Amino acid sequence: MNIMLAIFVTGMTGQSVVFATVTDERLQGADVFGTKIDGSFQKTENGFAVNAEVTVPPGVEIVQGILAPDEGLKYKIVSDLPDDYEGRDFVRLETEFGPIHARFQVLREII
């Protein structure tokens, strides 16, 4: 699977849009605030397994309401998505700073 995604993310205090690519099960993305997402997006028997590290620049507030300190902030998102993740309004993803809700929209296939 090689796709380009828009991921609409909401948390306790904010919202963001992440633009990402999945190429050969590798997930890479970023939002307009400079937050980066790197990890894997692998097909499983019941859907997809997401294992990603989020890197937040200094001074950026994440959607869960935490302000990144001077050295920046890193945290993980590990979640299983159902096969129909794209057709759902939102999918809940757990993080160490609280849950986020994400809506995934495939923008195009990457050839």
Protein backbone atom coordinates (compact mmCIF):
# COMPACT_ATOMS: atom_id res chain seq x y z
CA MET A 1 0.00 0.00 0.00
CA ASN A 2 1.41 3.35 -1.07
CA ILE A 3 -0.94 6.24 -0.22
CA MET A 4 -1.08 9.91 0.71
CA LEU A 5 -3.29 10.72 3.71
CA ALA A 6 -4.84 13.72 5.41
CA ILE A 7 -5.31 12.96 9.10
CA PHE A 8 -7.66 15.32 10.94
CA VAL A 9 -6.72 15.23 14.63
CA THR A 10 -8.56 16.59 17.68
CA GLY A 11 -7.64 16.47 21.35
CA MET A 12 -8.74 18.04 24.62
CA THR A 13 -7.57 21.53 23.66
CA GLY A 14 -6.78 21.66 19.97
CA GLN A 15 -6.95 20.45 16.41
CA SER A 16 -4.49 19.83 13.63
CA VAL A 17 -4.22 18.37 10.16
CA VAL A 18 -1.37 16.01 9.39
CA PHE A 19 -0.40 15.23 5.83
CA ALA A 20 1.28 11.84 5.61
CA THR A 21 2.45 9.18 3.23
CA VAL A 22 2.48 5.43 3.67
CA THR A 23 5.02 3.78 1.40
CA ASP A 24 5.95 0.13 1.81
CA GLU A 25 4.42 0.17 5.33
CA ARG A 26 6.49 3.21 6.36
CA LEU A 27 4.52 6.17 7.76
CA GLN A 28 5.89 9.71 7.45
CA GLY A 29 4.02 12.94 8.02
CA ALA A 30 3.97 16.50 9.33
CA ASP A 31 1.59 19.28 10.24
CA VAL A 32 1.86 23.04 9.69
CA PHE A 33 3.29 23.57 13.20
CA GLY A 34 6.37 21.48 12.39
CA THR A 35 5.31 18.37 14.27
CA LYS A 36 6.65 15.25 12.54
CA ILE A 37 5.36 11.68 12.59
CA ASP A 38 7.56 8.71 11.68
CA GLY A 39 6.77 5.04 12.02
CA SER A 40 5.03 2.06 10.51
CA PHE A 41 1.54 1.37 9.11
CA GLN A 42 1.26 -2.38 8.65
CA LYS A 43 -1.61 -4.54 7.42
CA THR A 44 -2.84 -7.07 9.98
CA GLU A 45 -5.53 -9.74 9.92
CA ASN A 46 -8.17 -7.33 11.27
CA GLY A 47 -6.98 -3.96 9.99
CA PHE A 48 -3.78 -1.99 10.39
CA ALA A 49 -1.18 -1.64 13.14
CA VAL A 50 0.20 1.87 13.65
CA ASN A 51 3.44 2.36 15.56
CA ALA A 52 4.67 5.93 15.30
CA GLU A 53 6.88 8.44 17.07
CA VAL A 54 5.69 12.05 17.18
CA THR A 55 8.36 14.76 17.35
CA VAL A 56 7.12 18.18 18.47
CA PRO A 57 9.27 21.32 18.09
CA PRO A 58 9.95 23.57 21.11
CA GLY A 59 7.09 25.89 22.04
CA VAL A 60 4.39 24.06 20.09
CA GLU A 61 1.24 23.06 21.97
CA ILE A 62 -0.02 19.58 21.10
CA VAL A 63 -3.74 18.87 20.71
CA GLN A 64 -3.79 17.22 24.15
CA GLY A 65 -2.92 20.60 25.73
CA ILE A 66 0.78 20.08 26.53
CA LEU A 67 3.29 22.78 25.58
CA ALA A 68 6.55 21.33 24.23
CA PRO A 69 9.52 22.45 26.39
CA ASP A 70 12.68 24.13 25.09
CA GLU A 71 14.17 20.77 24.04
CA GLY A 72 11.01 19.74 22.18
CA LEU A 73 8.87 16.70 22.90
CA LYS A 74 8.65 13.11 21.67
CA TYR A 75 5.90 10.59 22.28
CA LYS A 76 4.56 7.39 20.76
CA ILE A 77 1.28 6.41 19.18
CA VAL A 78 0.71 2.66 19.09
CA SER A 79 -2.73 1.60 17.92
CA ASP A 80 -4.71 -0.87 15.87
CA LEU A 81 -6.99 0.58 13.19
CA PRO A 82 -9.97 -1.34 11.82
CA ASP A 83 -10.08 -2.27 8.12
CA ASP A 84 -12.70 0.45 7.57
CA TYR A 85 -10.66 3.19 9.30
CA GLU A 86 -11.15 5.53 6.35
CA GLY A 87 -14.94 5.21 6.44
CA ARG A 88 -15.22 6.11 10.12
CA ASP A 89 -15.88 9.61 11.39
CA PHE A 90 -13.11 9.30 13.97
CA VAL A 91 -10.84 6.64 15.43
CA ARG A 92 -9.64 7.00 19.03
CA LEU A 93 -5.87 6.76 19.49
CA GLU A 94 -4.29 6.53 22.94
CA THR A 95 -1.14 8.47 23.83
CA GLU A 96 0.75 9.00 27.08
CA PHE A 97 -0.64 12.57 27.15
CA GLY A 98 -4.24 11.52 26.68
CA PRO A 99 -6.43 10.33 23.84
CA ILE A 100 -6.75 11.91 20.43
CA HIS A 101 -9.41 11.36 17.81
CA ALA A 102 -8.29 11.04 14.22
CA ARG A 103 -10.17 10.93 10.93
CA PHE A 104 -8.18 9.44 8.08
CA GLN A 105 -8.81 10.43 4.49
CA VAL A 106 -6.88 8.87 1.64
CA LEU A 107 -6.03 11.67 -0.78
CA ARG A 108 -4.47 9.55 -3.48
CA GLU A 109 -2.58 6.41 -4.26
CA ILE A 110 1.15 6.82 -4.79
CA ILE A 111 2.35 5.06 -7.91
